[in-house]
C-alpha atoms as a PDB file:
ATOM      1  CA  MET A   1     -15.729-118.673-245.083  1.00  0.00           C
ATOM      2  CA  ALA A   2     -13.289-116.849-243.217  1.00  0.00           C
ATOM      3  CA  LYS A   3     -10.512-115.357-245.352  1.00  0.00           C
ATOM      4  CA  PHE A   4      -8.625-113.247-243.352  1.00  0.00           C
ATOM      5  CA  ALA A   5      -6.557-114.367-239.931  1.00  0.00           C
ATOM      6  CA  LEU A   6      -3.971-112.878-237.791  1.00  0.00           C
ATOM      7  CA  GLN A   7      -1.369-115.016-235.773  1.00  0.00           C
ATOM      8  CA  ALA A   8       0.178-113.332-232.745  1.00  0.00           C
ATOM      9  CA  THR A   9       3.217-115.285-231.148  1.00  0.00           C
ATOM     10  CA  LEU A  10       4.098-114.084-227.744  1.00  0.00           C
ATOM     11  CA  GLU A  11       6.916-114.901-225.298  1.00  0.00           C
ATOM     12  CA  ALA A  12       6.190-114.221-221.485  1.00  0.00           C
ATOM     13  CA  ARG A  13       8.967-112.796-219.304  1.00  0.00           C
ATOM     14  CA  PRO A  14      10.231-114.970-216.791  1.00  0.00           C
ATOM     15  CA  GLY A  15       7.653-115.397-213.909  1.00  0.00           C
ATOM     16  CA  LYS A  16       4.982-113.549-215.931  1.00  0.00           C
ATOM     17  CA  GLU A  17       3.693-116.568-217.282  1.00  0.00           C
ATOM     18  CA  HIS A  18       0.497-116.624-215.220  1.00  0.00           C
ATOM     19  CA  GLU A  19      -0.254-112.973-215.664  1.00  0.00           C
ATOM     20  CA  VAL A  20       0.223-113.443-219.659  1.00  0.00           C
ATOM     21  CA  GLU A  21      -1.936-116.712-219.174  1.00  0.00           C
ATOM     22  CA  LYS A  22      -4.718-114.467-217.706  1.00  0.00           C
ATOM     23  CA  PHE A  23      -4.364-111.381-219.518  1.00  0.00           C
ATOM     24  CA  LEU A  24      -5.448-113.828-222.492  1.00  0.00           C
ATOM     25  CA  ARG A  25      -8.147-115.194-220.595  1.00  0.00           C
ATOM     26  CA  ASP A  26      -9.810-112.004-219.758  1.00  0.00           C
ATOM     27  CA  ALA A  27      -9.228-110.788-223.492  1.00  0.00           C
ATOM     28  CA  VAL A  28     -11.999-112.969-224.738  1.00  0.00           C
ATOM     29  CA  ALA A  29     -14.789-111.105-223.236  1.00  0.00           C
ATOM     30  CA  ILE A  30     -13.495-108.113-224.975  1.00  0.00           C
ATOM     31  CA  VAL A  31     -13.425-109.987-227.992  1.00  0.00           C
ATOM     32  CA  ARG A  32     -16.979-111.169-228.093  1.00  0.00           C
ATOM     33  CA  GLY A  33     -17.839-107.893-228.315  1.00  0.00           C
ATOM     34  CA  GLU A  34     -16.211-107.350-231.609  1.00  0.00           C
ATOM     35  CA  SER A  35     -18.594-108.403-234.451  1.00  0.00           C
ATOM     36  CA  GLY A  36     -15.938-108.330-237.599  1.00  0.00           C
ATOM     37  CA  THR A  37     -13.933-111.270-235.247  1.00  0.00           C
ATOM     38  CA  ARG A  38     -15.320-114.521-236.419  1.00  0.00           C
ATOM     39  CA  SER A  39     -13.246-116.739-234.102  1.00  0.00           C
ATOM     40  CA  TRP A  40     -10.301-116.155-231.585  1.00  0.00           C
ATOM     41  CA  PHE A  41      -8.316-118.678-229.713  1.00  0.00           C
ATOM     42  CA  ALA A  42      -5.711-117.823-227.050  1.00  0.00           C
ATOM     43  CA  LEU A  43      -2.800-120.723-227.275  1.00  0.00           C
ATOM     44  CA  ARG A  44       0.102-121.905-224.869  1.00  0.00           C
ATOM     45  CA  PHE A  45       2.765-123.677-226.667  1.00  0.00           C
ATOM     46  CA  GLY A  46       5.240-124.095-223.989  1.00  0.00           C
ATOM     47  CA  PRO A  47       6.374-123.015-220.512  1.00  0.00           C
ATOM     48  CA  ARG A  48       6.497-119.290-221.869  1.00  0.00           C
ATOM     49  CA  LYS A  49       5.831-119.410-225.458  1.00  0.00           C
ATOM     50  CA  PHE A  50       1.627-118.159-225.869  1.00  0.00           C
ATOM     51  CA  GLY A  51      -0.145-117.085-229.173  1.00  0.00           C
ATOM     52  CA  ILE A  52      -3.588-115.574-230.225  1.00  0.00           C
ATOM     53  CA  PHE A  53      -4.764-116.802-233.762  1.00  0.00           C
ATOM     54  CA  ASP A  54      -7.793-115.196-235.198  1.00  0.00           C
ATOM     55  CA  THR A  55     -10.136-115.094-238.215  1.00  0.00           C
ATOM     56  CA  PHE A  56     -12.165-112.622-239.971  1.00  0.00           C
ATOM     57  CA  ASP A  57     -14.690-112.656-243.103  1.00  0.00           C
ATOM     58  CA  ASP A  58     -13.435-109.554-244.390  1.00  0.00           C
ATOM     59  CA  GLU A  59     -10.087-107.251-244.323  1.00  0.00           C
ATOM     60  CA  ALA A  60     -12.141-104.245-242.263  1.00  0.00           C
ATOM     61  CA  GLY A  61     -12.775-106.823-239.570  1.00  0.00           C
ATOM     62  CA  ARG A  62      -9.503-107.663-239.159  1.00  0.00           C
ATOM     63  CA  GLN A  63      -8.260-103.779-239.072  1.00  0.00           C
ATOM     64  CA  ALA A  64     -10.913-103.017-236.610  1.00  0.00           C
ATOM     65  CA  HIS A  65      -9.533-106.161-234.777  1.00  0.00           C
ATOM     66  CA  MET A  66      -5.700-104.642-234.896  1.00  0.00           C
ATOM     67  CA  THR A  67      -6.871-101.327-233.762  1.00  0.00           C
ATOM     68  CA  GLY A  68      -9.093-102.529-231.034  1.00  0.00           C
ATOM     69  CA  GLU A  69      -9.243-102.726-227.251  1.00  0.00           C
ATOM     70  CA  VAL A  70      -7.205-106.199-226.722  1.00  0.00           C
ATOM     71  CA  ALA A  71      -4.343-104.679-229.596  1.00  0.00           C
ATOM     72  CA  LYS A  72      -4.147-101.652-227.672  1.00  0.00           C
ATOM     73  CA  ALA A  73      -3.900-103.585-224.333  1.00  0.00           C
ATOM     74  CA  LEU A  74      -1.517-106.376-225.382  1.00  0.00           C
ATOM     75  CA  PHE A  75       0.847-103.393-226.335  1.00  0.00           C
ATOM     76  CA  ALA A  76       0.392-101.281-223.715  1.00  0.00           C
ATOM     77  CA  ARG A  77       1.447-103.970-221.506  1.00  0.00           C
ATOM     78  CA  ALA A  78       4.177-105.824-223.596  1.00  0.00           C
ATOM     79  CA  GLU A  79       7.184-104.686-221.969  1.00  0.00           C
ATOM     80  CA  GLU A  80       5.829-105.637-218.892  1.00  0.00           C
ATOM     81  CA  LEU A  81       4.922-109.074-220.091  1.00  0.00           C
ATOM     82  CA  PHE A  82       6.959-110.329-223.080  1.00  0.00           C
ATOM     83  CA  SER A  83      10.700-110.457-223.301  1.00  0.00           C
ATOM     84  CA  THR A  84      10.520-109.462-226.995  1.00  0.00           C
ATOM     85  CA  ALA A  85       7.789-107.608-228.980  1.00  0.00           C
ATOM     86  CA  PRO A  86       4.552-109.354-229.910  1.00  0.00           C
ATOM     87  CA  GLN A  87       5.179-110.842-233.214  1.00  0.00           C
ATOM     88  CA  ILE A  88       1.934-110.508-235.571  1.00  0.00           C
ATOM     89  CA  GLU A  89       1.320-112.051-238.767  1.00  0.00           C
ATOM     90  CA  GLN A  90      -1.516-111.098-241.519  1.00  0.00           C
ATOM     91  CA  ILE A  91      -2.434-114.414-242.757  1.00  0.00           C
ATOM     92  CA  ASP A  92      -4.920-115.344-246.238  1.00  0.00           C
ATOM     93  CA  ILE A  93      -6.912-118.431-245.352  1.00  0.00           C
ATOM     94  CA  LEU A  94      -7.152-120.655-248.265  1.00  0.00           C
ATOM     95  CA  ALA A  95      -9.482-123.158-246.730  1.00  0.00           C
ATOM     96  CA  GLU A  96     -11.364-124.406-243.822  1.00  0.00           C
ATOM     97  CA  LYS A  97     -13.235-127.355-242.426  1.00  0.00           C
ATOM     98  CA  LEU A  98     -15.903-126.358-239.722  1.00  0.00           C
ATOM     99  CA  PRO A  99     -18.062-128.796-237.747  1.00  0.00           C
END
């Protein structure tokens, strides 16, 4: 069972919504190469509000992801794409239901 997670909340700058969506869709290719990332979801909550939710079996996987290529690219483009800094929360998973 995954025991660790990250949740990122992102608010696109007006007019940058399509670029944020493309960034998130493209990021999945990078995340596929991360052995410590168990699951990764790019989300859209509304017209300008996006998110990322990912899970990890251990803290080492979570830390590797937080310093990985997607995180670097996210923060490198933060001022260009987002109206506020990305809000990142570390989450502990208490239970899960899988297929």
